Amino acid sequence: MKNLKTNDDLIKELLSPDEQAELHTSVEKEVSKHWGGLRKGAGRKPKDKDKLLCFNIRVSLEEKIFLQYARKHNLDYSQLMET
């Protein structure tokens, strides 16, 4: 099992440098279709800066009603907290 040759060895031996470059570009193009990596549409989608984050908190119904009232009437929480 001596004298084993890899695909890279055979490509260098049998093809000219131009043919090697053409082969490598076609292989990269084909692989990018099926495997991950940098390609159009890959990765996370950009978020709109105009959209605000939505925060969810778990509160009782009584607390929820109070928060809605405070937002509607523009209550100053720091003033309410002072004694």
PDB file of N, CA and C in Angstrom:
ATOM      1  N   MET A   1       0.825  -1.187   0.000  1.00  0.00           N
ATOM      2  CA  MET A   1       0.000   0.000   0.000  1.00  0.00           C
ATOM      3  C   MET A   1       0.870   1.253   0.000  1.00  0.00           C
ATOM      4  N   LYS A   2       2.072   1.110  -0.501  1.00  0.00           N
ATOM      5  CA  LYS A   2       2.924   2.279  -0.647  1.00  0.00           C
ATOM      6  C   LYS A   2       2.524   3.024  -1.908  1.00  0.00           C
ATOM      7  N   ASN A   3       3.042   4.219  -2.044  1.00  0.00           N
ATOM      8  CA  ASN A   3       2.811   5.055  -3.213  1.00  0.00           C
ATOM      9  C   ASN A   3       1.338   5.432  -3.392  1.00  0.00           C
ATOM     10  N   LEU A   4       0.657   5.657  -2.302  1.00  0.00           N
ATOM     11  CA  LEU A   4      -0.730   6.126  -2.395  1.00  0.00           C
ATOM     12  C   LEU A   4      -0.731   7.603  -2.774  1.00  0.00           C
ATOM     13  N   LYS A   5      -1.667   7.979  -3.609  1.00  0.00           N
ATOM     14  CA  LYS A   5      -1.776   9.370  -4.052  1.00  0.00           C
ATOM     15  C   LYS A   5      -3.128   9.919  -3.623  1.00  0.00           C
ATOM     16  N   THR A   6      -3.095  11.160  -3.202  1.00  0.00           N
ATOM     17  CA  THR A   6      -4.342  11.824  -2.821  1.00  0.00           C
ATOM     18  C   THR A   6      -4.948  12.484  -4.053  1.00  0.00           C
ATOM     19  N   ASN A   7      -6.165  12.960  -3.898  1.00  0.00           N
ATOM     20  CA  ASN A   7      -6.820  13.672  -4.991  1.00  0.00           C
ATOM     21  C   ASN A   7      -6.034  14.918  -5.377  1.00  0.00           C
ATOM     22  N   ASP A   8      -5.498  15.620  -4.373  1.00  0.00           N
ATOM     23  CA  ASP A   8      -4.721  16.825  -4.651  1.00  0.00           C
ATOM     24  C   ASP A   8      -3.477  16.493  -5.473  1.00  0.00           C
ATOM     25  N   ASP A   9      -2.823  15.378  -5.158  1.00  0.00           N
ATOM     26  CA  ASP A   9      -1.642  14.962  -5.920  1.00  0.00           C
ATOM     27  C   ASP A   9      -2.002  14.682  -7.379  1.00  0.00           C
ATOM     28  N   LEU A  10      -3.113  13.983  -7.593  1.00  0.00           N
ATOM     29  CA  LEU A  10      -3.537  13.663  -8.953  1.00  0.00           C
ATOM     30  C   LEU A  10      -3.928  14.922  -9.731  1.00  0.00           C
ATOM     31  N   ILE A  11      -4.600  15.855  -9.054  1.00  0.00           N
ATOM     32  CA  ILE A  11      -4.987  17.098  -9.720  1.00  0.00           C
ATOM     33  C   ILE A  11      -3.750  17.874 -10.157  1.00  0.00           C
ATOM     34  N   LYS A  12      -2.743  17.955  -9.275  1.00  0.00           N
ATOM     35  CA  LYS A  12      -1.512  18.670  -9.614  1.00  0.00           C
ATOM     36  C   LYS A  12      -0.749  17.967 -10.741  1.00  0.00           C
ATOM     37  N   GLU A  13      -0.818  16.656 -10.754  1.00  0.00           N
ATOM     38  CA  GLU A  13      -0.068  15.874 -11.736  1.00  0.00           C
ATOM     39  C   GLU A  13      -0.720  15.897 -13.113  1.00  0.00           C
ATOM     40  N   LEU A  14      -2.055  15.845 -13.158  1.00  0.00           N
ATOM     41  CA  LEU A  14      -2.742  15.657 -14.438  1.00  0.00           C
ATOM     42  C   LEU A  14      -3.262  16.947 -15.074  1.00  0.00           C
ATOM     43  N   LEU A  15      -3.490  17.998 -14.281  1.00  0.00           N
ATOM     44  CA  LEU A  15      -4.114  19.206 -14.817  1.00  0.00           C
ATOM     45  C   LEU A  15      -3.133  20.372 -14.845  1.00  0.00           C
ATOM     46  N   SER A  16      -3.363  21.264 -15.784  1.00  0.00           N
ATOM     47  CA  SER A  16      -2.554  22.480 -15.856  1.00  0.00           C
ATOM     48  C   SER A  16      -3.013  23.449 -14.751  1.00  0.00           C
ATOM     49  N   PRO A  17      -2.202  24.463 -14.443  1.00  0.00           N
ATOM     50  CA  PRO A  17      -2.604  25.414 -13.388  1.00  0.00           C
ATOM     51  C   PRO A  17      -3.938  26.117 -13.668  1.00  0.00           C
ATOM     52  N   ASP A  18      -4.210  26.430 -14.936  1.00  0.00           N
ATOM     53  CA  ASP A  18      -5.494  27.052 -15.280  1.00  0.00           C
ATOM     54  C   ASP A  18      -6.657  26.089 -15.019  1.00  0.00           C
ATOM     55  N   GLU A  19      -6.463  24.832 -15.402  1.00  0.00           N
ATOM     56  CA  GLU A  19      -7.507  23.828 -15.179  1.00  0.00           C
ATOM     57  C   GLU A  19      -7.706  23.566 -13.688  1.00  0.00           C
ATOM     58  N   GLN A  20      -6.620  23.600 -12.925  1.00  0.00           N
ATOM     59  CA  GLN A  20      -6.722  23.420 -11.476  1.00  0.00           C
ATOM     60  C   GLN A  20      -7.549  24.544 -10.847  1.00  0.00           C
ATOM     61  N   ALA A  21      -7.271  25.776 -11.253  1.00  0.00           N
ATOM     62  CA  ALA A  21      -7.998  26.920 -10.711  1.00  0.00           C
ATOM     63  C   ALA A  21      -9.477  26.829 -11.073  1.00  0.00           C
ATOM     64  N   GLU A  22      -9.766  26.449 -12.314  1.00  0.00           N
ATOM     65  CA  GLU A  22     -11.150  26.310 -12.759  1.00  0.00           C
ATOM     66  C   GLU A  22     -11.868  25.224 -11.963  1.00  0.00           C
ATOM     67  N   LEU A  23     -11.181  24.109 -11.730  1.00  0.00           N
ATOM     68  CA  LEU A  23     -11.761  23.012 -10.956  1.00  0.00           C
ATOM     69  C   LEU A  23     -12.060  23.452  -9.522  1.00  0.00           C
ATOM     70  N   HIS A  24     -11.117  24.147  -8.889  1.00  0.00           N
ATOM     71  CA  HIS A  24     -11.323  24.588  -7.508  1.00  0.00           C
ATOM     72  C   HIS A  24     -12.483  25.582  -7.395  1.00  0.00           C
ATOM     73  N   THR A  25     -12.604  26.504  -8.338  1.00  0.00           N
ATOM     74  CA  THR A  25     -13.718  27.467  -8.281  1.00  0.00           C
ATOM     75  C   THR A  25     -15.056  26.770  -8.483  1.00  0.00           C
ATOM     76  N   SER A  26     -15.112  25.800  -9.402  1.00  0.00           N
ATOM     77  CA  SER A  26     -16.380  25.097  -9.616  1.00  0.00           C
ATOM     78  C   SER A  26     -16.759  24.251  -8.405  1.00  0.00           C
ATOM     79  N   VAL A  27     -15.760  23.658  -7.740  1.00  0.00           N
ATOM     80  CA  VAL A  27     -16.033  22.863  -6.537  1.00  0.00           C
ATOM     81  C   VAL A  27     -16.535  23.768  -5.413  1.00  0.00           C
ATOM     82  N   GLU A  28     -15.878  24.917  -5.204  1.00  0.00           N
ATOM     83  CA  GLU A  28     -16.320  25.843  -4.163  1.00  0.00           C
ATOM     84  C   GLU A  28     -17.731  26.349  -4.422  1.00  0.00           C
ATOM     85  N   LYS A  29     -18.033  26.613  -5.689  1.00  0.00           N
ATOM     86  CA  LYS A  29     -19.365  27.082  -6.053  1.00  0.00           C
ATOM     87  C   LYS A  29     -20.423  26.017  -5.751  1.00  0.00           C
ATOM     88  N   GLU A  30     -20.117  24.789  -6.083  1.00  0.00           N
ATOM     89  CA  GLU A  30     -21.068  23.693  -5.848  1.00  0.00           C
ATOM     90  C   GLU A  30     -21.248  23.421  -4.353  1.00  0.00           C
ATOM     91  N   VAL A  31     -20.159  23.463  -3.610  1.00  0.00           N
ATOM     92  CA  VAL A  31     -20.229  23.197  -2.174  1.00  0.00           C
ATOM     93  C   VAL A  31     -21.022  24.299  -1.472  1.00  0.00           C
ATOM     94  N   SER A  32     -20.861  25.541  -1.913  1.00  0.00           N
ATOM     95  CA  SER A  32     -21.573  26.642  -1.252  1.00  0.00           C
ATOM     96  C   SER A  32     -23.087  26.531  -1.442  1.00  0.00           C
ATOM     97  N   LYS A  33     -23.527  25.807  -2.460  1.00  0.00           N
ATOM     98  CA  LYS A  33     -24.962  25.608  -2.662  1.00  0.00           C
ATOM     99  C   LYS A  33     -25.556  24.699  -1.589  1.00  0.00           C
ATOM    100  N   HIS A  34     -24.789  23.715  -1.159  1.00  0.00           N
ATOM    101  CA  HIS A  34     -25.335  22.663  -0.308  1.00  0.00           C
ATOM    102  C   HIS A  34     -24.870  22.722   1.139  1.00  0.00           C
ATOM    103  N   TRP A  35     -23.731  23.310   1.395  1.00  0.00           N
ATOM    104  CA  TRP A  35     -23.191  23.353   2.738  1.00  0.00           C
ATOM    105  C   TRP A  35     -23.232  24.770   3.268  1.00  0.00           C
ATOM    106  N   GLY A  36     -22.998  24.910   4.572  1.00  0.00           N
ATOM    107  CA  GLY A  36     -23.007  26.225   5.191  1.00  0.00           C
ATOM    108  C   GLY A  36     -21.882  27.097   4.692  1.00  0.00           C
ATOM    109  N   GLY A  37     -21.758  28.230   5.305  1.00  0.00           N
ATOM    110  CA  GLY A  37     -20.711  29.151   4.912  1.00  0.00           C
ATOM    111  C   GLY A  37     -21.297  30.462   4.448  1.00  0.00           C
ATOM    112  N   LEU A  38     -20.443  31.342   4.005  1.00  0.00           N
ATOM    113  CA  LEU A  38     -20.892  32.643   3.567  1.00  0.00           C
ATOM    114  C   LEU A  38     -21.612  32.529   2.228  1.00  0.00           C
ATOM    115  N   ARG A  39     -22.863  32.887   2.240  1.00  0.00           N
ATOM    116  CA  ARG A  39     -23.647  32.912   1.018  1.00  0.00           C
ATOM    117  C   ARG A  39     -24.806  33.875   1.225  1.00  0.00           C
ATOM    118  N   LYS A  40     -25.412  34.265   0.177  1.00  0.00           N
ATOM    119  CA  LYS A  40     -26.505  35.229   0.247  1.00  0.00           C
ATOM    120  C   LYS A  40     -27.660  34.649   1.056  1.00  0.00           C
ATOM    121  N   GLY A  41     -28.173  35.431   1.994  1.00  0.00           N
ATOM    122  CA  GLY A  41     -29.311  35.003   2.799  1.00  0.00           C
ATOM    123  C   GLY A  41     -28.942  34.183   4.020  1.00  0.00           C
ATOM    124  N   ALA A  42     -27.653  33.919   4.240  1.00  0.00           N
ATOM    125  CA  ALA A  42     -27.243  33.122   5.395  1.00  0.00           C
ATOM    126  C   ALA A  42     -27.124  34.024   6.618  1.00  0.00           C
ATOM    127  N   GLY A  43     -27.350  33.469   7.781  1.00  0.00           N
ATOM    128  CA  GLY A  43     -27.169  34.210   9.015  1.00  0.00           C
ATOM    129  C   GLY A  43     -28.450  34.874   9.493  1.00  0.00           C
ATOM    130  N   ARG A  44     -28.302  35.676  10.516  1.00  0.00           N
ATOM    131  CA  ARG A  44     -29.458  36.354  11.093  1.00  0.00           C
ATOM    132  C   ARG A  44     -29.907  37.508  10.211  1.00  0.00           C
ATOM    133  N   LYS A  45     -31.184  37.713  10.200  1.00  0.00           N
ATOM    134  CA  LYS A  45     -31.730  38.815   9.435  1.00  0.00           C
ATOM    135  C   LYS A  45     -31.551  40.111  10.228  1.00  0.00           C
ATOM    136  N   PRO A  46     -31.238  41.225   9.566  1.00  0.00           N
ATOM    137  CA  PRO A  46     -31.096  42.489  10.288  1.00  0.00           C
ATOM    138  C   PRO A  46     -32.442  42.952  10.833  1.00  0.00           C
ATOM    139  N   LYS A  47     -32.410  43.527  12.024  1.00  0.00           N
ATOM    140  CA  LYS A  47     -33.640  43.990  12.656  1.00  0.00           C
ATOM    141  C   LYS A  47     -33.876  45.452  12.324  1.00  0.00           C
ATOM    142  N   ASP A  48     -35.138  45.819  12.235  1.00  0.00           N
ATOM    143  CA  ASP A  48     -35.488  47.219  11.998  1.00  0.00           C
ATOM    144  C   ASP A  48     -35.193  48.029  13.241  1.00  0.00           C
ATOM    145  N   LYS A  49     -34.574  49.192  13.043  1.00  0.00           N
ATOM    146  CA  LYS A  49     -34.272  50.050  14.177  1.00  0.00           C
ATOM    147  C   LYS A  49     -35.520  50.747  14.697  1.00  0.00           C
ATOM    148  N   ASP A  50     -36.551  50.815  13.854  1.00  0.00           N
ATOM    149  CA  ASP A  50     -37.783  51.487  14.252  1.00  0.00           C
ATOM    150  C   ASP A  50     -38.618  50.651  15.216  1.00  0.00           C
ATOM    151  N   LYS A  51     -38.433  49.343  15.180  1.00  0.00           N
ATOM    152  CA  LYS A  51     -39.231  48.472  16.049  1.00  0.00           C
ATOM    153  C   LYS A  51     -38.632  48.454  17.448  1.00  0.00           C
ATOM    154  N   LEU A  52     -39.488  48.622  18.437  1.00  0.00           N
ATOM    155  CA  LEU A  52     -39.048  48.578  19.825  1.00  0.00           C
ATOM    156  C   LEU A  52     -39.086  47.151  20.333  1.00  0.00           C
ATOM    157  N   LEU A  53     -38.281  46.897  21.338  1.00  0.00           N
ATOM    158  CA  LEU A  53     -38.303  45.579  21.956  1.00  0.00           C
ATOM    159  C   LEU A  53     -39.586  45.414  22.754  1.00  0.00           C
ATOM    160  N   CYS A  54     -40.052  44.200  22.825  1.00  0.00           N
ATOM    161  CA  CYS A  54     -41.260  43.894  23.573  1.00  0.00           C
ATOM    162  C   CYS A  54     -40.855  43.130  24.832  1.00  0.00           C
ATOM    163  N   PHE A  55     -41.144  43.703  25.992  1.00  0.00           N
ATOM    164  CA  PHE A  55     -40.816  43.064  27.263  1.00  0.00           C
ATOM    165  C   PHE A  55     -42.073  42.457  27.858  1.00  0.00           C
ATOM    166  N   ASN A  56     -41.972  41.230  28.293  1.00  0.00           N
ATOM    167  CA  ASN A  56     -43.088  40.558  28.940  1.00  0.00           C
ATOM    168  C   ASN A  56     -42.730  40.327  30.402  1.00  0.00           C
ATOM    169  N   ILE A  57     -43.621  40.750  31.286  1.00  0.00           N
ATOM    170  CA  ILE A  57     -43.419  40.500  32.704  1.00  0.00           C
ATOM    171  C   ILE A  57     -44.666  39.808  33.237  1.00  0.00           C
ATOM    172  N   ARG A  58     -44.463  38.981  34.224  1.00  0.00           N
ATOM    173  CA  ARG A  58     -45.583  38.260  34.822  1.00  0.00           C
ATOM    174  C   ARG A  58     -46.002  38.976  36.095  1.00  0.00           C
ATOM    175  N   VAL A  59     -47.188  39.501  36.062  1.00  0.00           N
ATOM    176  CA  VAL A  59     -47.730  40.206  37.225  1.00  0.00           C
ATOM    177  C   VAL A  59     -49.155  39.728  37.436  1.00  0.00           C
ATOM    178  N   SER A  60     -49.664  40.028  38.622  1.00  0.00           N
ATOM    179  CA  SER A  60     -51.054  39.673  38.911  1.00  0.00           C
ATOM    180  C   SER A  60     -51.974  40.640  38.167  1.00  0.00           C
ATOM    181  N   LEU A  61     -53.237  40.304  38.106  1.00  0.00           N
ATOM    182  CA  LEU A  61     -54.212  41.154  37.422  1.00  0.00           C
ATOM    183  C   LEU A  61     -54.301  42.526  38.082  1.00  0.00           C
ATOM    184  N   GLU A  62     -54.225  42.550  39.406  1.00  0.00           N
ATOM    185  CA  GLU A  62     -54.278  43.819  40.143  1.00  0.00           C
ATOM    186  C   GLU A  62     -53.086  44.719  39.788  1.00  0.00           C
ATOM    187  N   GLU A  63     -51.893  44.119  39.714  1.00  0.00           N
ATOM    188  CA  GLU A  63     -50.700  44.883  39.354  1.00  0.00           C
ATOM    189  C   GLU A  63     -50.775  45.363  37.901  1.00  0.00           C
ATOM    190  N   LYS A  64     -51.319  44.536  37.040  1.00  0.00           N
ATOM    191  CA  LYS A  64     -51.456  44.909  35.634  1.00  0.00           C
ATOM    192  C   LYS A  64     -52.382  46.111  35.475  1.00  0.00           C
ATOM    193  N   ILE A  65     -53.486  46.106  36.204  1.00  0.00           N
ATOM    194  CA  ILE A  65     -54.430  47.234  36.151  1.00  0.00           C
ATOM    195  C   ILE A  65     -53.760  48.503  36.669  1.00  0.00           C
ATOM    196  N   PHE A  66     -52.988  48.385  37.759  1.00  0.00           N
ATOM    197  CA  PHE A  66     -52.297  49.552  38.299  1.00  0.00           C
ATOM    198  C   PHE A  66     -51.276  50.103  37.298  1.00  0.00           C
ATOM    199  N   LEU A  67     -50.504  49.224  36.643  1.00  0.00           N
ATOM    200  CA  LEU A  67     -49.520  49.667  35.670  1.00  0.00           C
ATOM    201  C   LEU A  67     -50.179  50.379  34.483  1.00  0.00           C
ATOM    202  N   GLN A  68     -51.305  49.847  34.031  1.00  0.00           N
ATOM    203  CA  GLN A  68     -52.023  50.510  32.944  1.00  0.00           C
ATOM    204  C   GLN A  68     -52.521  51.883  33.372  1.00  0.00           C
ATOM    205  N   TYR A  69     -53.035  51.988  34.597  1.00  0.00           N
ATOM    206  CA  TYR A  69     -53.506  53.267  35.124  1.00  0.00           C
ATOM    207  C   TYR A  69     -52.350  54.261  35.236  1.00  0.00           C
ATOM    208  N   ALA A  70     -51.204  53.787  35.752  1.00  0.00           N
ATOM    209  CA  ALA A  70     -50.056  54.668  35.945  1.00  0.00           C
ATOM    210  C   ALA A  70     -49.522  55.168  34.595  1.00  0.00           C
ATOM    211  N   ARG A  71     -49.504  54.320  33.598  1.00  0.00           N
ATOM    212  CA  ARG A  71     -49.040  54.754  32.275  1.00  0.00           C
ATOM    213  C   ARG A  71     -50.013  55.742  31.647  1.00  0.00           C
ATOM    214  N   LYS A  72     -51.292  55.486  31.824  1.00  0.00           N
ATOM    215  CA  LYS A  72     -52.309  56.350  31.231  1.00  0.00           C
ATOM    216  C   LYS A  72     -52.281  57.750  31.848  1.00  0.00           C
ATOM    217  N   HIS A  73     -52.030  57.839  33.154  1.00  0.00           N
ATOM    218  CA  HIS A  73     -52.060  59.119  33.868  1.00  0.00           C
ATOM    219  C   HIS A  73     -50.663  59.698  34.114  1.00  0.00           C
ATOM    220  N   ASN A  74     -49.633  59.120  33.490  1.00  0.00           N
ATOM    221  CA  ASN A  74     -48.257  59.618  33.596  1.00  0.00           C
ATOM    222  C   ASN A  74     -47.816  59.826  35.045  1.00  0.00           C
ATOM    223  N   LEU A  75     -48.009  58.815  35.880  1.00  0.00           N
ATOM    224  CA  LEU A  75     -47.594  58.913  37.277  1.00  0.00           C
ATOM    225  C   LEU A  75     -46.076  58.865  37.383  1.00  0.00           C
ATOM    226  N   ASP A  76     -45.540  59.663  38.283  1.00  0.00           N
ATOM    227  CA  ASP A  76     -44.101  59.691  38.538  1.00  0.00           C
ATOM    228  C   ASP A  76     -43.810  58.703  39.675  1.00  0.00           C
ATOM    229  N   TYR A  77     -43.162  57.579  39.311  1.00  0.00           N
ATOM    230  CA  TYR A  77     -42.927  56.517  40.286  1.00  0.00           C
ATOM    231  C   TYR A  77     -41.978  56.970  41.389  1.00  0.00           C
ATOM    232  N   SER A  78     -40.949  57.733  41.054  1.00  0.00           N
ATOM    233  CA  SER A  78     -40.016  58.176  42.066  1.00  0.00           C
ATOM    234  C   SER A  78     -40.686  59.084  43.095  1.00  0.00           C
ATOM    235  N   GLN A  79     -41.635  59.888  42.674  1.00  0.00           N
ATOM    236  CA  GLN A  79     -42.360  60.754  43.612  1.00  0.00           C
ATOM    237  C   GLN A  79     -43.291  59.911  44.491  1.00  0.00           C
ATOM    238  N   LEU A  80     -43.879  58.881  43.936  1.00  0.00           N
ATOM    239  CA  LEU A  80     -44.746  58.010  44.725  1.00  0.00           C
ATOM    240  C   LEU A  80     -43.959  57.217  45.767  1.00  0.00           C
ATOM    241  N   MET A  81     -42.706  56.882  45.450  1.00  0.00           N
ATOM    242  CA  MET A  81     -41.895  56.074  46.346  1.00  0.00           C
ATOM    243  C   MET A  81     -41.385  56.871  47.540  1.00  0.00           C
ATOM    244  N   GLU A  82     -41.292  58.176  47.422  1.00  0.00           N
ATOM    245  CA  GLU A  82     -40.804  58.987  48.541  1.00  0.00           C
ATOM    246  C   GLU A  82     -41.820  58.995  49.665  1.00  0.00           C
ATOM    247  N   THR A  83     -41.312  59.022  50.897  1.00  0.00           N
ATOM    248  CA  THR A  83     -42.210  59.033  52.050  1.00  0.00           C
ATOM    249  C   THR A  83     -42.233  60.374  52.722  1.00  0.00           C
TER     250      THR A  83
END
